Amino acid sequence: MGAIGLPPRGQQYSVIMFDVDCKDPSLGMSCPPAPFVELELLRDVRDCLTEDGVFILNLVARDAALGDRVRADLNSSFAACVTYSVPEEVNEVVFCLRHRPDTDPCERIRTAAAALNSALSRKQKGKPRQSFMDMSAFAQELKSL
């Protein structure tokens, strides 16, 4: 085990998320700190996911070459990666799948978002609909790495 503690071998999770900030802007990548995206750790994270698990990474790389390296390492470590660039921000949210789905990962998320919106927009047992975030716009902006 490296500098970042991982669960015991055999322990698996449906979702693992890294949203870790580094306060040193001179490094070129403020989120996450470099140890969190080392190739060996990314592969360990992949191995901690269930078969249909997803790893979510908040990536903030002001250095384009550094961001490209992280994306390449994610692509080499996971079966499929989908990215969402946060409008008017440097942040990019990367969704990494342990196994490639039978359908296009972006389309699969779009379909799930539409189903979620539909379910949320219906009244629940006569109660008025509560406000919710429409996931369609988010899903339309997804791109495969």
Foldseek 3Di string as FASTA:
>chain_A
DDPDDDDPPPAADQEAEFFDAAPDVVVQWGFPPPVCQDLVNLLVNLNRYDQFHKYKGWTQGNPVVVVVVSLVSLVVRAQWKKWFCDPPGSIIIIIGTNHDDPDDPLVVVLVVLVVVVVVQCDDDPPHHRDDDDRCNVRSVRMDID
